Amino acid sequence: MYQWFKFYGSEFLSDPKIVPLNAGERSCWITLLCLASQTENGIVRFINEDQLKAMSGIIAGDEMWIKCTGILEKLKNADMITLSNGNVTIKNWIKRQYSEGYLRVKAYRKRKGNEEVTPQREKEREKEYTAKADFRANPKLPDAEETKQLIERLKK
């Protein structure tokens, strides 16, 4: 499982397959990419359209929910994914995530026994990631008094 994936921002903004998508459909696409990043092969297993829309932050029954109906078929017709037995495969996932240079460096590090070039920095990143994940799982929400004080400060 990976914590990140390659995302080409300028390509996303100008890709002719992305441009016609509405905001909810784009959210579904990015959610699929995030789910694919948790696999090694870009295959998102056993997800249906309603689950995808819910995971994308689209509220069931909302106007956007209705506008996003058929998103998986739309992405398939745009040649961005394939659908098979409840699985969604992101096309060209491996090619785009693992360039030849990356694979060459990874093999070299493995041969040399140095898979982590900067182990200290990796440990720091893992600690930061864990702290953020802990906060997301158990956020400290302000109590009524803190909220009141914040509102008063914002009024000034």
Protein backbone atom coordinates (compact mmCIF):
# COMPACT_ATOMS: atom_id res chain seq x y z
CA MET A 1 0.00 0.00 0.00
CA TYR A 2 1.35 3.43 -0.94
CA GLN A 3 0.82 6.85 0.59
CA TRP A 4 1.07 8.77 -2.68
CA PHE A 5 0.74 8.45 -6.43
CA LYS A 6 1.96 10.44 -9.41
CA PHE A 7 -0.57 13.04 -10.42
CA TYR A 8 0.08 15.37 -13.33
CA GLY A 9 -1.78 18.55 -12.39
CA SER A 10 -1.33 20.43 -15.65
CA GLU A 11 -2.42 17.36 -17.59
CA PHE A 12 -5.49 16.97 -15.38
CA LEU A 13 -6.53 20.55 -16.10
CA SER A 14 -6.15 20.25 -19.87
CA ASP A 15 -6.83 16.57 -20.63
CA PRO A 16 -9.65 16.32 -23.19
CA LYS A 17 -11.03 13.32 -21.28
CA ILE A 18 -11.23 15.30 -18.02
CA VAL A 19 -12.39 18.71 -19.27
CA PRO A 20 -15.99 17.63 -20.03
CA LEU A 21 -16.46 16.03 -16.58
CA ASN A 22 -18.46 17.95 -14.00
CA ALA A 23 -17.07 18.55 -10.49
CA GLY A 24 -18.66 15.42 -9.05
CA GLU A 25 -17.37 13.24 -11.87
CA ARG A 26 -13.88 14.67 -11.40
CA SER A 27 -14.14 13.89 -7.70
CA CYS A 28 -15.09 10.31 -8.58
CA TRP A 29 -12.07 10.04 -10.89
CA ILE A 30 -9.67 11.32 -8.25
CA THR A 31 -11.23 8.96 -5.69
CA LEU A 32 -10.61 6.06 -8.08
CA LEU A 33 -6.98 7.14 -8.43
CA CYS A 34 -6.63 7.28 -4.65
CA LEU A 35 -8.12 3.81 -4.29
CA ALA A 36 -5.85 2.49 -7.06
CA SER A 37 -2.83 3.91 -5.24
CA GLN A 38 -3.52 1.46 -2.44
CA THR A 39 -2.84 -1.42 -4.85
CA GLU A 40 0.22 -2.37 -6.85
CA ASN A 41 -1.61 -2.90 -10.12
CA GLY A 42 -4.25 -0.17 -10.30
CA ILE A 43 -7.20 -2.53 -9.85
CA VAL A 44 -9.91 -1.31 -7.46
CA ARG A 45 -11.76 -4.40 -6.33
CA PHE A 46 -15.50 -4.74 -5.73
CA ILE A 47 -16.69 -1.15 -5.90
CA ASN A 48 -19.97 -0.05 -7.37
CA GLU A 49 -21.05 3.34 -8.59
CA ASP A 50 -23.00 4.28 -5.45
CA GLN A 51 -20.04 3.42 -3.21
CA LEU A 52 -17.74 5.48 -5.44
CA LYS A 53 -20.05 8.49 -5.35
CA ALA A 54 -20.39 8.27 -1.57
CA MET A 55 -16.61 7.98 -1.12
CA SER A 56 -16.22 11.01 -3.39
CA GLY A 57 -18.27 13.14 -0.99
CA ILE A 58 -21.39 13.27 -3.10
CA ILE A 59 -24.57 13.20 -1.04
CA ALA A 60 -27.09 10.50 -1.98
CA GLY A 61 -30.18 11.97 -3.60
CA ASP A 62 -28.50 15.34 -4.14
CA GLU A 63 -28.55 16.95 -7.60
CA MET A 64 -24.86 16.09 -8.07
CA TRP A 65 -25.58 12.45 -7.19
CA ILE A 66 -28.01 12.32 -10.08
CA LYS A 67 -25.59 14.14 -12.42
CA CYS A 68 -22.91 11.54 -11.64
CA THR A 69 -25.11 8.56 -12.40
CA GLY A 70 -23.33 6.47 -15.02
CA ILE A 71 -19.84 7.76 -14.13
CA LEU A 72 -18.18 4.35 -14.36
CA GLU A 73 -19.63 3.77 -17.82
CA LYS A 74 -18.63 7.30 -18.84
CA LEU A 75 -15.02 6.71 -17.72
CA LYS A 76 -15.02 3.36 -19.52
CA ASN A 77 -16.28 4.97 -22.74
CA ALA A 78 -13.54 7.60 -22.41
CA ASP A 79 -11.02 4.72 -22.32
CA MET A 80 -9.83 5.65 -18.82
CA ILE A 81 -10.88 2.44 -17.05
CA THR A 82 -12.00 -1.10 -17.72
CA LEU A 83 -14.81 -2.82 -15.83
CA SER A 84 -14.88 -6.53 -15.02
CA ASN A 85 -16.81 -8.44 -12.34
CA GLY A 86 -17.14 -5.47 -10.00
CA ASN A 87 -13.49 -4.48 -10.43
CA VAL A 88 -12.34 -1.19 -11.89
CA THR A 89 -8.93 -1.13 -13.55
CA ILE A 90 -7.26 2.22 -14.16
CA LYS A 91 -5.78 2.05 -17.66
CA ASN A 92 -2.00 2.58 -17.90
CA TRP A 93 -1.70 2.72 -14.09
CA ILE A 94 1.55 0.80 -13.86
CA LYS A 95 3.11 2.62 -16.82
CA ARG A 96 2.31 6.04 -15.35
CA GLN A 97 3.26 5.23 -11.76
CA TYR A 98 6.45 3.29 -12.31
CA SER A 99 8.65 4.85 -14.92
CA GLU A 100 11.61 2.88 -16.24
CA GLY A 101 13.99 5.13 -14.29
CA TYR A 102 12.18 4.44 -11.02
CA LEU A 103 12.31 0.68 -11.58
CA ARG A 104 16.01 0.85 -12.44
CA VAL A 105 16.79 2.81 -9.24
CA LYS A 106 14.68 0.44 -7.15
CA ALA A 107 16.52 -2.62 -8.55
CA TYR A 108 19.89 -0.94 -7.93
CA ARG A 109 19.00 -0.13 -4.33
CA LYS A 110 17.85 -3.70 -3.75
CA ARG A 111 21.11 -5.11 -5.16
CA LYS A 112 23.15 -2.78 -2.96
CA GLY A 113 21.04 -3.51 0.11
CA ASN A 114 20.08 0.15 0.44
CA GLU A 115 16.38 0.26 -0.30
CA GLU A 116 15.93 3.39 1.80
CA VAL A 117 18.31 6.13 0.73
CA THR A 118 17.26 8.45 3.52
CA PRO A 119 15.88 6.26 6.32
CA GLN A 120 15.80 9.12 8.84
CA ARG A 121 13.68 11.32 6.57
CA GLU A 122 11.39 8.37 5.83
CA LYS A 123 10.87 7.85 9.57
CA GLU A 124 10.07 11.56 10.00
CA ARG A 125 7.55 11.42 7.15
CA GLU A 126 5.94 8.31 8.63
CA LYS A 127 5.66 10.04 12.01
CA GLU A 128 4.05 13.12 10.38
CA TYR A 129 1.68 10.94 8.37
CA THR A 130 0.67 8.95 11.47
CA ALA A 131 0.03 12.16 13.43
CA LYS A 132 -2.16 13.53 10.63
CA ALA A 133 -4.04 10.24 10.32
CA ASP A 134 -4.62 10.18 14.11
CA PHE A 135 -6.01 13.72 13.99
CA ARG A 136 -8.31 12.85 11.08
CA ALA A 137 -9.57 9.80 12.95
CA ASN A 138 -10.10 11.67 16.22
CA PRO A 139 -10.21 15.42 15.54
CA LYS A 140 -10.49 17.68 18.56
CA LEU A 141 -13.52 19.78 17.87
CA PRO A 142 -13.85 23.07 19.74
CA ASP A 143 -16.32 23.10 22.60
CA ALA A 144 -19.08 25.72 22.85
CA GLU A 145 -16.92 28.22 24.75
CA GLU A 146 -14.02 27.97 22.28
CA THR A 147 -16.45 28.41 19.37
CA LYS A 148 -17.95 31.50 21.01
CA GLN A 149 -14.49 33.01 21.54
CA LEU A 150 -13.51 32.29 17.95
CA ILE A 151 -16.65 33.98 16.64
CA GLU A 152 -15.96 37.03 18.79
CA ARG A 153 -12.37 37.28 17.49
CA LEU A 154 -13.58 37.00 13.89
CA LYS A 155 -16.07 39.82 14.40
CA LYS A 156 -13.28 42.24 15.34
